[in-house]
Amino acid sequence: MAATTTLILGAGFGGISAANALRRRLPAEHRIVLIDKAPTFHFGATKPWVMLGQKTIAEVSYSREALRSRGIDLMETKIQRIDMVKGEITTSQGVLRGDYAIIALGADYDMTLVPGLDHAAHEFYTLEGAARLHDRLRDFNHGDLVVLIPRAPFKCPPAPYEGAMLMYHALQARGVRDGVRIAIHTVEGAPMATAGPEMGKFIRDQLASRNISYHPAKKTVNIDAERHEIRFEDGNETNYELLVTVPPHVAPAVVREAGLVNQSSWIPAHPQTLKVSGDSGFHSVFAIGDVAVVPLPGRYQPDMPLVLPKAGTVADAQGQVVASQIASQVVGGSAEVFGGVGTCYIETGGRHAIKGEGHFFALPHPVMRASPPDSAQYQGKLVWMADWVLACL
């Protein structure tokens, strides 16, 4: 058997999952190269904990070094260019050639897409941003706290709603909740729209029970940081004392420059195999996780197509599928396909959470099931995270 190489671009959920699954399935002579510019891995779900001061950045950051002992070549370097024609990846350490490529580079953030946003808003979608927001929240005692969702799509669809509820409980614990008005303004028509109207109603009810006002279909035009004012496309405005935003998401520049994105601005991937179509110097190319766009077969409304949500558990499952796809090509045998199932935990405060299980390929529309929040589901989240680290890192 001729030696082959898989290049995995990005060592988040999907990349790590794919690397481990490939190593289990393929002989030692098949080289697996996992590339990421960041030295550590972290769960997106831990960023609200940093925001609240429950954890430090160091406490939620995990080394990937143990992957080396499993026979995975780990490279900490920046990816500078993807040459699909030649089947090459240029990094700050040189050029890599491979037989297979898995693009798992996630999403980048561009606060400049909304004029004024970068000078006005805090965010907790990065660990550093979450730490800065913690410092601001610690001294925040009164006024309008606005959670803003200016653009879609964004990863972890429940995150801004979870963040609002967790900030509510943190303010309540400090005894200053009565002096703070919390509002969510979102470009979305409903919370977690892909999960369906029942999940949307659940989120709205949870917000209402905490007196958090909810304002859908509000596309942000710009922010006036001096006047603490948000202006919307419908002509309305709102003021804030503290503004917390979901940063506008974009595909990484290296992906856009390679011509891999379509009109959605993300990489189109086959729903079952996650393959990327088009001519290539690689035998096969796959896109998984947040960087990919996967159309869904079902719809809630005939004129509104849906795409798969961007979530860590989805990327994890996709990583295992593409590993199976590559192993089938290298050593033979059947290949798994992605079934469109993903889960998410939503913390509601007070160490309570719900676990939602989404069946996104279901017809006539996606289905997500969840139970009322409780401490058992919160503990289930902690166990799931610990088990994942043990198995994958």
Protein backbone atom coordinates (compact mmCIF):
# COMPACT_ATOMS: atom_id res chain seq x y z
CA MET A 1 0.00 0.00 0.00
CA ALA A 2 1.41 3.40 -1.00
CA ALA A 3 1.83 5.88 1.83
CA THR A 4 -0.79 8.61 1.87
CA THR A 5 -1.29 11.85 3.79
CA THR A 6 -4.33 13.68 5.14
CA LEU A 7 -3.96 17.37 5.92
CA ILE A 8 -6.45 18.64 8.52
CA LEU A 9 -6.78 22.42 8.55
CA GLY A 10 -7.98 23.50 11.96
CA ALA A 11 -7.74 21.75 15.32
CA GLY A 12 -11.07 22.57 16.87
CA PHE A 13 -13.89 20.10 17.51
CA GLY A 14 -14.07 18.81 13.95
CA GLY A 15 -10.35 18.68 13.25
CA ILE A 16 -9.47 16.87 16.48
CA SER A 17 -12.36 14.44 16.02
CA ALA A 18 -11.29 13.67 12.45
CA ALA A 19 -7.62 13.21 13.42
CA ASN A 20 -8.42 10.74 16.20
CA ALA A 21 -10.89 8.79 14.07
CA LEU A 22 -8.45 8.58 11.16
CA ARG A 23 -5.67 7.33 13.41
CA ARG A 24 -7.92 4.56 14.71
CA ARG A 25 -8.94 3.52 11.20
CA LEU A 26 -5.74 3.78 9.17
CA PRO A 27 -2.33 2.08 9.33
CA ALA A 28 0.68 3.91 10.74
CA GLU A 29 2.13 4.67 7.30
CA HIS A 30 -0.80 6.98 6.56
CA ARG A 31 0.36 10.38 7.76
CA ILE A 32 -2.13 12.61 9.57
CA VAL A 33 -1.16 16.28 9.86
CA LEU A 34 -3.26 18.50 12.13
CA ILE A 35 -2.60 22.23 11.67
CA ASP A 36 -3.72 25.12 13.84
CA LYS A 37 -2.26 28.52 14.71
CA ALA A 38 -3.53 28.41 18.31
CA PRO A 39 -1.54 26.51 20.96
CA THR A 40 -4.56 25.22 22.89
CA PHE A 41 -8.15 23.98 22.51
CA HIS A 42 -11.16 25.22 24.43
CA PHE A 43 -14.88 24.53 24.45
CA GLY A 44 -17.04 27.40 23.27
CA ALA A 45 -19.36 26.52 26.14
CA THR A 46 -16.72 27.65 28.65
CA LYS A 47 -16.60 31.26 27.46
CA PRO A 48 -19.66 32.30 29.48
CA TRP A 49 -17.91 30.86 32.56
CA VAL A 50 -14.95 33.18 31.88
CA MET A 51 -17.40 36.04 31.33
CA LEU A 52 -18.89 35.43 34.77
CA GLY A 53 -15.52 34.94 36.48
CA GLN A 54 -16.28 31.32 37.32
CA LYS A 55 -13.21 30.15 35.38
CA THR A 56 -9.99 31.69 34.12
CA ILE A 57 -8.73 31.41 30.56
CA ALA A 58 -6.00 29.03 31.75
CA GLU A 59 -8.55 26.79 33.46
CA VAL A 60 -10.58 26.26 30.27
CA SER A 61 -7.64 25.83 27.87
CA TYR A 62 -6.44 22.35 26.95
CA SER A 63 -3.14 21.29 25.42
CA ARG A 64 -3.22 19.23 22.23
CA GLU A 65 0.28 17.82 22.79
CA ALA A 66 -0.96 14.34 23.73
CA LEU A 67 -2.12 13.90 20.13
CA ARG A 68 1.51 13.51 19.08
CA SER A 69 1.84 10.31 21.11
CA ARG A 70 -1.13 8.89 19.20
CA GLY A 71 0.69 9.20 15.89
CA ILE A 72 -0.76 12.54 14.79
CA ASP A 73 1.62 15.20 13.45
CA LEU A 74 0.60 18.39 15.23
CA MET A 75 1.73 21.66 13.66
CA GLU A 76 1.26 25.01 15.42
CA THR A 77 1.46 27.35 12.45
CA LYS A 78 -0.62 29.77 10.42
CA ILE A 79 -2.17 28.60 7.16
CA GLN A 80 -1.36 31.18 4.51
CA ARG A 81 -2.68 29.67 1.30
CA ILE A 82 -4.79 26.76 0.04
CA ASP A 83 -3.91 25.71 -3.52
CA MET A 84 -6.67 23.40 -4.63
CA VAL A 85 -5.18 22.84 -8.08
CA LYS A 86 -1.77 21.69 -6.83
CA GLY A 87 -3.09 20.00 -3.71
CA GLU A 88 -0.85 22.12 -1.50
CA ILE A 89 -1.19 24.02 1.75
CA THR A 90 1.22 26.87 2.42
CA THR A 91 1.94 27.61 6.07
CA SER A 92 4.33 29.94 7.85
CA GLN A 93 6.60 26.89 8.20
CA GLY A 94 6.55 25.87 4.54
CA VAL A 95 4.49 24.01 1.95
CA LEU A 96 2.62 20.77 2.68
CA ARG A 97 1.30 18.33 0.10
CA GLY A 98 -1.40 15.80 0.80
CA ASP A 99 -3.71 13.26 -0.75
CA TYR A 100 -6.75 14.29 1.28
CA ALA A 101 -7.71 17.59 2.88
CA ILE A 102 -10.20 18.34 5.63
CA ILE A 103 -11.01 22.02 6.01
CA ALA A 104 -12.12 22.65 9.58
CA LEU A 105 -11.00 26.25 10.04
CA GLY A 106 -14.13 27.47 11.77
CA ALA A 107 -15.35 31.05 11.53
CA ASP A 108 -13.55 34.34 12.02
CA TYR A 109 -15.10 37.52 13.40
CA ASP A 110 -15.25 40.94 11.76
CA MET A 111 -16.66 43.65 14.02
CA THR A 112 -16.07 46.26 11.31
CA LEU A 113 -18.95 44.86 9.23
CA VAL A 114 -21.31 46.96 11.36
CA PRO A 115 -20.10 50.58 11.53
CA GLY A 116 -19.22 51.58 15.09
CA LEU A 117 -19.62 48.11 16.56
CA ASP A 118 -15.93 47.50 17.22
CA HIS A 119 -15.62 50.67 19.34
CA ALA A 120 -18.89 50.24 21.22
CA ALA A 121 -19.43 46.59 22.10
CA HIS A 122 -18.14 43.85 24.32
CA GLU A 123 -18.35 40.19 23.26
CA PHE A 124 -17.84 36.75 24.81
CA TYR A 125 -17.21 34.77 21.62
CA THR A 126 -13.47 34.93 22.31
CA LEU A 127 -11.82 34.05 25.60
CA GLU A 128 -10.08 37.43 25.71
CA GLY A 129 -13.36 39.20 25.04
CA ALA A 130 -15.09 37.17 27.75
CA ALA A 131 -12.39 38.16 30.25
CA ARG A 132 -12.76 41.86 29.35
CA LEU A 133 -16.54 41.61 29.66
CA HIS A 134 -16.12 40.07 33.12
CA ASP A 135 -14.19 43.14 34.23
CA ARG A 136 -16.99 45.37 32.93
CA LEU A 137 -19.82 43.30 34.40
CA ARG A 138 -18.17 43.27 37.80
CA ASP A 139 -18.81 47.02 38.17
CA PHE A 140 -22.09 47.22 36.23
CA ASN A 141 -24.93 48.09 38.59
CA HIS A 142 -27.61 49.97 36.68
CA GLY A 143 -28.78 50.98 33.22
CA ASP A 144 -29.61 49.25 29.96
CA LEU A 145 -27.76 46.05 29.12
CA VAL A 146 -28.35 45.21 25.46
CA VAL A 147 -27.44 41.88 23.88
CA LEU A 148 -27.16 42.45 20.14
CA ILE A 149 -27.24 39.92 17.30
CA PRO A 150 -26.51 42.12 14.27
CA ARG A 151 -25.82 39.46 11.63
CA ALA A 152 -26.48 35.77 10.95
CA PRO A 153 -25.43 33.00 10.75
CA PHE A 154 -23.36 32.62 13.90
CA LYS A 155 -22.05 29.62 15.76
CA CYS A 156 -23.79 28.17 18.78
CA PRO A 157 -27.25 29.65 18.07
CA PRO A 158 -28.39 29.54 21.72
CA ALA A 159 -25.26 31.32 23.02
CA PRO A 160 -26.55 34.91 23.12
CA TYR A 161 -29.76 33.82 24.83
CA GLU A 162 -27.83 31.68 27.29
CA GLY A 163 -25.48 34.60 27.90
CA ALA A 164 -28.37 36.95 28.65
CA MET A 165 -29.88 34.51 31.15
CA LEU A 166 -26.53 33.91 32.84
CA MET A 167 -25.87 37.64 33.13
CA TYR A 168 -29.34 38.02 34.64
CA HIS A 169 -28.53 35.48 37.34
CA ALA A 170 -25.12 37.03 37.99
CA LEU A 171 -26.69 40.46 38.48
CA GLN A 172 -29.36 38.94 40.69
CA ALA A 173 -26.73 37.23 42.85
CA ARG A 174 -25.05 40.61 43.37
CA GLY A 175 -28.38 42.18 44.35
CA VAL A 176 -28.36 44.73 41.52
CA ARG A 177 -30.75 43.09 39.05
CA ASP A 178 -33.56 45.56 39.76
CA GLY A 179 -31.42 48.44 38.54
CA VAL A 180 -30.62 46.82 35.20
CA ARG A 181 -32.88 46.46 32.17
CA ILE A 182 -31.85 43.59 29.88
CA ALA A 183 -32.93 43.47 26.25
CA ILE A 184 -32.06 41.32 23.25
CA HIS A 185 -32.20 42.81 19.75
CA THR A 186 -31.64 40.30 16.98
CA VAL A 187 -31.66 40.14 13.19
CA GLU A 188 -33.27 36.71 13.55
CA GLY A 189 -36.99 36.26 13.12
CA ALA A 190 -37.06 33.88 16.10
CA PRO A 191 -34.55 32.35 18.53
CA MET A 192 -32.81 29.27 17.12
CA ALA A 193 -35.07 29.35 14.07
CA THR A 194 -33.66 26.14 12.55
CA ALA A 195 -34.61 24.25 15.73
CA GLY A 196 -38.26 25.11 15.16
CA PRO A 197 -41.08 27.15 16.70
CA GLU A 198 -41.35 25.05 19.87
CA MET A 199 -37.72 25.67 20.80
CA GLY A 200 -38.13 29.33 19.88
CA LYS A 201 -41.14 29.59 22.19
CA PHE A 202 -39.20 27.89 24.98
CA ILE A 203 -36.40 30.46 24.70
CA ARG A 204 -38.84 33.38 24.58
CA ASP A 205 -40.67 32.06 27.64
CA GLN A 206 -37.40 31.68 29.54
CA LEU A 207 -36.48 35.26 28.70
CA ALA A 208 -39.91 36.59 29.64
CA SER A 209 -39.80 34.84 33.01
CA ARG A 210 -36.66 36.86 33.78
CA ASN A 211 -38.10 40.11 32.42
CA ILE A 212 -35.60 40.12 29.55
CA SER A 213 -37.23 41.88 26.61
CA TYR A 214 -36.91 40.32 23.17
CA HIS A 215 -36.91 42.24 19.87
CA PRO A 216 -36.71 40.09 16.69
CA ALA A 217 -36.16 41.09 13.04
CA LYS A 218 -33.95 44.05 14.00
CA LYS A 219 -31.11 44.44 11.52
CA THR A 220 -28.44 46.77 12.86
CA VAL A 221 -27.33 49.62 10.59
CA ASN A 222 -24.72 51.26 12.81
CA ILE A 223 -23.71 52.10 16.37
CA ASP A 224 -23.02 55.57 17.74
CA ALA A 225 -20.58 54.86 20.55
CA GLU A 226 -20.56 58.46 21.83
CA ARG A 227 -24.33 58.60 22.18
CA HIS A 228 -24.61 54.92 23.22
CA GLU A 229 -27.17 54.43 20.48
CA ILE A 230 -27.98 51.51 18.15
CA ARG A 231 -29.74 52.29 14.87
CA PHE A 232 -31.78 49.68 13.04
CA GLU A 233 -32.83 49.25 9.43
CA ASP A 234 -36.49 49.80 10.29
CA GLY A 235 -35.68 53.35 11.42
CA ASN A 236 -35.90 52.64 15.15
CA GLU A 237 -33.17 53.28 17.68
CA THR A 238 -32.32 52.05 21.14
CA ASN A 239 -29.85 53.15 23.80
CA TYR A 240 -27.54 51.14 26.00
CA GLU A 241 -25.26 51.53 28.94
CA LEU A 242 -23.53 48.21 28.29
CA LEU A 243 -23.59 46.61 24.84
CA VAL A 244 -22.77 42.90 24.41
CA THR A 245 -22.73 41.65 20.84
CA VAL A 246 -22.41 38.49 18.80
CA PRO A 247 -19.52 39.40 16.48
CA PRO A 248 -20.40 39.17 12.78
CA HIS A 249 -19.02 35.86 11.47
CA VAL A 250 -17.03 35.43 8.26
CA ALA A 251 -15.22 32.54 6.63
CA PRO A 252 -11.44 32.75 7.18
CA ALA A 253 -9.66 34.88 4.57
CA VAL A 254 -7.55 31.95 3.37
CA VAL A 255 -10.73 30.08 2.46
CA ARG A 256 -12.25 33.03 0.63
CA GLU A 257 -9.02 33.71 -1.25
CA ALA A 258 -8.94 30.08 -2.40
CA GLY A 259 -12.33 30.57 -4.06
CA LEU A 260 -13.94 27.88 -1.94
CA VAL A 261 -17.03 29.80 -0.77
CA ASN A 262 -20.34 30.16 -2.61
CA GLN A 263 -23.01 32.85 -2.45
CA SER A 264 -23.60 31.98 1.21
CA SER A 265 -19.99 33.10 1.94
CA TRP A 266 -19.20 29.64 3.35
CA ILE A 267 -17.85 26.41 1.83
CA PRO A 268 -20.67 24.28 0.38
CA ALA A 269 -20.39 20.68 1.57
CA HIS A 270 -22.39 17.62 0.55
CA PRO A 271 -24.96 16.97 3.29
CA GLN A 272 -24.10 13.27 3.77
CA THR A 273 -20.39 13.00 2.83
CA LEU A 274 -19.24 16.58 3.56
CA LYS A 275 -17.25 16.50 0.32
CA VAL A 276 -16.38 19.72 -1.49
CA SER A 277 -17.01 19.55 -5.23
CA GLY A 278 -14.75 20.91 -7.97
CA ASP A 279 -11.41 20.14 -9.54
CA SER A 280 -8.57 19.57 -7.11
CA GLY A 281 -5.07 18.23 -6.82
CA PHE A 282 -6.25 16.32 -3.76
CA HIS A 283 -7.99 12.96 -4.11
CA SER A 284 -10.83 14.36 -1.97
CA VAL A 285 -11.51 17.54 -0.05
CA PHE A 286 -14.00 17.84 2.82
CA ALA A 287 -15.37 20.83 4.75
CA ILE A 288 -16.73 20.40 8.26
CA GLY A 289 -17.88 22.49 11.18
CA ASP A 290 -18.45 26.24 11.20
CA VAL A 291 -16.66 26.91 7.89
CA ALA A 292 -19.12 24.73 5.96
CA VAL A 293 -22.65 25.39 4.79
CA VAL A 294 -24.91 22.34 4.57
CA PRO A 295 -28.42 22.74 3.12
CA LEU A 296 -31.27 21.00 4.91
CA PRO A 297 -33.96 19.00 3.09
CA GLY A 298 -36.88 20.28 5.14
CA ARG A 299 -38.43 23.70 5.70
CA TYR A 300 -40.92 25.31 8.06
CA GLN A 301 -41.99 27.71 5.31
CA PRO A 302 -41.84 26.84 1.59
CA ASP A 303 -39.99 30.01 0.63
CA MET A 304 -37.39 29.89 3.43
CA PRO A 305 -34.60 27.32 2.92
CA LEU A 306 -32.65 26.21 5.98
CA VAL A 307 -29.02 25.32 6.62
CA LEU A 308 -27.38 23.23 9.31
CA PRO A 309 -26.60 25.18 12.51
CA LYS A 310 -22.98 25.86 13.38
CA ALA A 311 -22.26 23.89 16.56
CA GLY A 312 -19.40 21.99 18.17
CA THR A 313 -21.25 18.69 18.46
CA VAL A 314 -22.11 18.88 14.77
CA ALA A 315 -18.44 19.42 13.87
CA ASP A 316 -17.45 16.53 16.13
CA ALA A 317 -19.85 14.16 14.37
CA GLN A 318 -18.80 15.41 10.95
CA GLY A 319 -15.15 14.80 11.79
CA GLN A 320 -15.88 11.14 12.41
CA VAL A 321 -17.83 10.87 9.16
CA VAL A 322 -15.08 12.32 6.97
CA ALA A 323 -12.54 10.05 8.66
CA SER A 324 -14.72 7.12 7.64
CA GLN A 325 -15.00 8.51 4.11
CA ILE A 326 -11.21 8.79 3.77
CA ALA A 327 -10.54 5.41 5.36
CA SER A 328 -12.94 3.81 2.89
CA GLN A 329 -10.93 5.27 0.01
CA VAL A 330 -7.57 4.28 1.49
CA VAL A 331 -8.20 0.77 2.82
CA GLY A 332 -11.64 -0.09 1.45
CA GLY A 333 -14.84 -0.94 3.25
CA SER A 334 -18.06 0.95 3.74
CA ALA A 335 -18.17 4.62 4.64
CA GLU A 336 -20.39 6.36 7.16
CA VAL A 337 -22.58 9.29 6.19
CA PHE A 338 -23.66 12.26 8.24
CA GLY A 339 -27.17 11.89 9.62
CA GLY A 340 -27.86 15.50 10.50
CA VAL A 341 -28.08 14.93 14.27
CA GLY A 342 -26.63 17.43 16.72
CA THR A 343 -27.07 18.28 20.38
CA CYS A 344 -26.62 21.44 22.38
CA TYR A 345 -26.72 22.30 26.05
CA ILE A 346 -28.26 25.61 27.07
CA GLU A 347 -27.51 26.89 30.56
CA THR A 348 -30.37 28.84 32.07
CA GLY A 349 -28.66 29.92 35.29
CA GLY A 350 -28.46 28.55 38.81
CA ARG A 351 -26.54 25.49 37.53
CA HIS A 352 -29.52 24.39 35.49
CA ALA A 353 -29.48 23.53 31.80
CA ILE A 354 -31.41 21.83 29.05
CA LYS A 355 -30.07 19.37 26.50
CA GLY A 356 -31.59 19.80 23.07
CA GLU A 357 -31.27 17.04 20.49
CA GLY A 358 -31.81 18.18 16.92
CA HIS A 359 -32.68 15.95 13.97
CA PHE A 360 -31.95 18.44 11.23
CA PHE A 361 -32.45 16.16 8.22
CA ALA A 362 -35.96 15.24 9.35
CA LEU A 363 -38.92 15.89 7.06
CA PRO A 364 -41.00 17.89 6.54
CA HIS A 365 -38.81 20.08 8.77
CA PRO A 366 -36.09 19.74 11.44
CA VAL A 367 -37.10 18.53 14.88
CA MET A 368 -35.44 19.44 18.19
CA ARG A 369 -36.53 17.85 21.44
CA ALA A 370 -35.74 19.14 24.92
CA SER A 371 -36.87 18.74 28.51
CA PRO A 372 -37.39 21.52 31.08
CA PRO A 373 -34.13 22.81 32.59
CA ASP A 374 -32.77 21.06 35.65
CA SER A 375 -29.53 20.38 37.51
CA ALA A 376 -29.23 16.85 36.10
CA GLN A 377 -28.91 18.17 32.57
CA TYR A 378 -26.32 20.71 33.74
CA GLN A 379 -24.31 17.88 35.28
CA GLY A 380 -24.75 15.96 32.04
CA LYS A 381 -23.06 18.81 30.21
CA LEU A 382 -20.07 18.68 32.57
CA VAL A 383 -19.77 14.92 32.18
CA TRP A 384 -19.97 15.15 28.39
CA MET A 385 -17.19 17.73 28.30
CA ALA A 386 -14.95 15.71 30.62
CA ASP A 387 -15.52 12.55 28.61
CA TRP A 388 -14.71 14.33 25.34
CA VAL A 389 -11.42 15.65 26.71
CA LEU A 390 -10.49 12.20 27.98
CA ALA A 391 -11.27 10.55 24.66
CA CYS A 392 -9.92 13.17 22.28
CA LEU A 393 -7.10 15.04 24.01
